[in-house]
Amino acid sequence: MNPVVGLDVAKGESQVQAFLDQSKPYGKSFSIRHTREELDYFIGFLKETEEVTGQMPMVILEATGHYYTPVI
């Protein structure tokens, strides 16, 4: 298994979706606000995913926004 958690970071909240392996989603996507309590929940979700798969998932961040200089 290659567990991955995608985190689409936006202003004020982020959207989360986990995959146990390629094309195998784990649960439904959900959003978290950028508060201590909800970030603690996200960490618990990462630990839960680790328990299910036997390894810590890779976290992929996708930031939304505008860039003023080219990103290479």
N, C-alpha and C. Protein backbone atom coordinates (compact mmCIF):
# COMPACT_ATOMS: atom_id res chain seq x y z
N MET A 1 0.83 -1.19 0.00
CA MET A 1 0.00 0.00 0.00
C MET A 1 0.87 1.25 0.00
N ASN A 2 0.35 2.26 -0.64
CA ASN A 2 1.01 3.56 -0.68
C ASN A 2 0.02 4.63 -0.23
N PRO A 3 -0.23 4.73 1.08
CA PRO A 3 -1.24 5.69 1.53
C PRO A 3 -0.82 7.14 1.30
N VAL A 4 -1.78 7.93 0.87
CA VAL A 4 -1.54 9.34 0.59
C VAL A 4 -2.72 10.13 1.13
N VAL A 5 -2.44 11.29 1.72
CA VAL A 5 -3.50 12.21 2.14
C VAL A 5 -3.27 13.51 1.40
N GLY A 6 -4.27 13.90 0.61
CA GLY A 6 -4.20 15.16 -0.11
C GLY A 6 -4.83 16.26 0.73
N LEU A 7 -4.16 17.38 0.79
CA LEU A 7 -4.63 18.51 1.58
C LEU A 7 -4.64 19.74 0.68
N ASP A 8 -5.83 20.17 0.28
CA ASP A 8 -5.98 21.36 -0.56
C ASP A 8 -6.13 22.55 0.38
N VAL A 9 -5.05 23.30 0.51
CA VAL A 9 -4.99 24.39 1.48
C VAL A 9 -5.58 25.66 0.87
N ALA A 10 -6.54 26.24 1.55
CA ALA A 10 -7.15 27.49 1.12
C ALA A 10 -7.19 28.44 2.31
N LYS A 11 -7.62 29.64 2.07
CA LYS A 11 -7.69 30.63 3.14
C LYS A 11 -8.78 30.25 4.13
N GLY A 12 -8.40 30.01 5.37
CA GLY A 12 -9.36 29.72 6.41
C GLY A 12 -9.67 28.26 6.63
N GLU A 13 -9.64 27.43 5.57
CA GLU A 13 -9.91 26.01 5.73
C GLU A 13 -9.25 25.21 4.63
N SER A 14 -9.14 23.91 4.86
CA SER A 14 -8.51 23.02 3.90
C SER A 14 -9.42 21.82 3.66
N GLN A 15 -9.34 21.27 2.46
CA GLN A 15 -10.10 20.08 2.09
C GLN A 15 -9.17 18.89 2.17
N VAL A 16 -9.64 17.77 2.75
CA VAL A 16 -8.81 16.60 2.99
C VAL A 16 -9.41 15.39 2.29
N GLN A 17 -8.57 14.59 1.63
CA GLN A 17 -8.99 13.30 1.07
C GLN A 17 -7.83 12.32 1.19
N ALA A 18 -8.13 11.15 1.72
CA ALA A 18 -7.10 10.12 1.88
C ALA A 18 -7.31 9.01 0.85
N PHE A 19 -6.19 8.40 0.47
CA PHE A 19 -6.21 7.25 -0.43
C PHE A 19 -5.34 6.16 0.19
N LEU A 20 -5.86 4.94 0.26
CA LEU A 20 -5.08 3.83 0.78
C LEU A 20 -4.04 3.40 -0.24
N ASP A 21 -4.39 3.50 -1.48
CA ASP A 21 -3.52 3.18 -2.59
C ASP A 21 -4.07 3.92 -3.80
N GLN A 22 -3.41 3.83 -4.91
CA GLN A 22 -3.85 4.54 -6.11
C GLN A 22 -5.29 4.16 -6.44
N SER A 23 -6.15 5.14 -6.57
CA SER A 23 -7.57 4.97 -6.93
C SER A 23 -8.39 4.25 -5.87
N LYS A 24 -7.91 4.18 -4.61
CA LYS A 24 -8.66 3.56 -3.52
C LYS A 24 -8.87 4.59 -2.41
N PRO A 25 -9.92 5.44 -2.54
CA PRO A 25 -10.15 6.45 -1.50
C PRO A 25 -10.47 5.81 -0.16
N TYR A 26 -10.06 6.49 0.89
CA TYR A 26 -10.35 6.05 2.26
C TYR A 26 -11.35 7.02 2.86
N GLY A 27 -12.57 6.60 3.02
CA GLY A 27 -13.61 7.46 3.56
C GLY A 27 -13.99 8.55 2.58
N LYS A 28 -14.71 9.53 3.09
CA LYS A 28 -15.14 10.66 2.28
C LYS A 28 -14.23 11.85 2.54
N SER A 29 -14.20 12.76 1.58
CA SER A 29 -13.42 13.97 1.80
C SER A 29 -14.12 14.83 2.86
N PHE A 30 -13.34 15.63 3.53
CA PHE A 30 -13.90 16.52 4.56
C PHE A 30 -13.06 17.78 4.63
N SER A 31 -13.61 18.80 5.23
CA SER A 31 -12.85 20.05 5.36
C SER A 31 -12.52 20.29 6.83
N ILE A 32 -11.40 20.98 7.05
CA ILE A 32 -11.01 21.38 8.39
C ILE A 32 -10.69 22.87 8.36
N ARG A 33 -11.11 23.55 9.40
CA ARG A 33 -10.70 24.95 9.57
C ARG A 33 -9.31 24.97 10.19
N HIS A 34 -8.65 26.06 10.07
CA HIS A 34 -7.29 26.18 10.59
C HIS A 34 -7.31 26.63 12.05
N THR A 35 -7.92 25.77 12.88
CA THR A 35 -7.95 26.00 14.32
C THR A 35 -7.18 24.87 15.00
N ARG A 36 -6.79 25.10 16.20
CA ARG A 36 -6.04 24.07 16.96
C ARG A 36 -6.83 22.77 17.05
N GLU A 37 -8.11 22.87 17.36
CA GLU A 37 -8.95 21.69 17.54
C GLU A 37 -9.07 20.88 16.26
N GLU A 38 -9.30 21.56 15.15
CA GLU A 38 -9.48 20.84 13.89
C GLU A 38 -8.16 20.32 13.33
N LEU A 39 -7.06 21.02 13.60
CA LEU A 39 -5.76 20.49 13.20
C LEU A 39 -5.39 19.27 14.05
N ASP A 40 -5.78 19.27 15.32
CA ASP A 40 -5.60 18.08 16.16
C ASP A 40 -6.41 16.91 15.61
N TYR A 41 -7.64 17.19 15.13
CA TYR A 41 -8.47 16.16 14.50
C TYR A 41 -7.75 15.60 13.27
N PHE A 42 -7.15 16.47 12.46
CA PHE A 42 -6.44 16.04 11.26
C PHE A 42 -5.27 15.11 11.64
N ILE A 43 -4.54 15.45 12.69
CA ILE A 43 -3.44 14.59 13.13
C ILE A 43 -3.97 13.23 13.56
N GLY A 44 -5.10 13.21 14.26
CA GLY A 44 -5.73 11.94 14.62
C GLY A 44 -6.13 11.13 13.40
N PHE A 45 -6.61 11.82 12.36
CA PHE A 45 -6.97 11.15 11.11
C PHE A 45 -5.74 10.54 10.45
N LEU A 46 -4.61 11.24 10.49
CA LEU A 46 -3.37 10.68 9.95
C LEU A 46 -2.96 9.42 10.70
N LYS A 47 -3.10 9.45 12.03
CA LYS A 47 -2.76 8.27 12.84
C LYS A 47 -3.70 7.11 12.56
N GLU A 48 -4.99 7.42 12.36
CA GLU A 48 -5.96 6.38 12.01
C GLU A 48 -5.60 5.73 10.67
N THR A 49 -5.22 6.55 9.71
CA THR A 49 -4.82 6.03 8.40
C THR A 49 -3.57 5.16 8.53
N GLU A 50 -2.66 5.57 9.38
CA GLU A 50 -1.45 4.77 9.62
C GLU A 50 -1.81 3.42 10.22
N GLU A 51 -2.76 3.39 11.16
CA GLU A 51 -3.17 2.12 11.78
C GLU A 51 -3.79 1.18 10.75
N VAL A 52 -4.57 1.73 9.83
CA VAL A 52 -5.25 0.92 8.81
C VAL A 52 -4.25 0.34 7.81
N THR A 53 -3.25 1.14 7.42
CA THR A 53 -2.33 0.72 6.37
C THR A 53 -1.00 0.15 6.87
N GLY A 54 -0.67 0.43 8.12
CA GLY A 54 0.61 -0.03 8.65
C GLY A 54 1.77 0.91 8.36
N GLN A 55 1.48 2.04 7.73
CA GLN A 55 2.53 3.03 7.49
C GLN A 55 1.94 4.43 7.46
N MET A 56 2.76 5.41 7.84
CA MET A 56 2.31 6.80 7.86
C MET A 56 2.08 7.25 6.43
N PRO A 57 0.93 7.86 6.14
CA PRO A 57 0.68 8.32 4.78
C PRO A 57 1.52 9.54 4.42
N MET A 58 1.84 9.64 3.15
CA MET A 58 2.50 10.84 2.64
C MET A 58 1.42 11.92 2.54
N VAL A 59 1.75 13.13 2.95
CA VAL A 59 0.80 14.24 2.87
C VAL A 59 1.21 15.12 1.70
N ILE A 60 0.28 15.30 0.77
CA ILE A 60 0.51 16.13 -0.40
C ILE A 60 -0.27 17.43 -0.23
N LEU A 61 0.42 18.55 -0.27
CA LEU A 61 -0.21 19.86 -0.10
C LEU A 61 -0.45 20.50 -1.46
N GLU A 62 -1.65 21.03 -1.64
CA GLU A 62 -1.95 21.81 -2.83
C GLU A 62 -2.47 23.16 -2.36
N ALA A 63 -1.69 24.19 -2.61
CA ALA A 63 -2.08 25.53 -2.19
C ALA A 63 -2.81 26.24 -3.33
N THR A 64 -3.88 26.90 -3.01
CA THR A 64 -4.57 27.71 -4.01
C THR A 64 -4.16 29.16 -3.82
N GLY A 65 -4.16 29.89 -4.88
CA GLY A 65 -3.79 31.30 -4.78
C GLY A 65 -3.12 31.77 -6.04
N HIS A 66 -2.58 32.95 -5.98
CA HIS A 66 -1.94 33.57 -7.13
C HIS A 66 -0.46 33.74 -6.87
N TYR A 67 0.32 33.48 -7.88
CA TYR A 67 1.76 33.67 -7.78
C TYR A 67 2.13 34.91 -8.59
N TYR A 68 2.99 35.72 -8.04
CA TYR A 68 3.41 36.93 -8.72
C TYR A 68 4.71 36.73 -9.47
N THR A 69 5.43 35.65 -9.18
CA THR A 69 6.63 35.31 -9.91
C THR A 69 6.49 33.88 -10.39
N PRO A 70 7.16 33.52 -11.48
CA PRO A 70 7.05 32.14 -11.99
C PRO A 70 7.55 31.12 -10.96
N VAL A 71 6.87 30.02 -10.88
CA VAL A 71 7.29 28.90 -10.03
C VAL A 71 7.90 27.86 -10.93
N ILE A 72 9.15 27.52 -10.68
CA ILE A 72 9.86 26.56 -11.54
C ILE A 72 10.13 25.29 -10.78
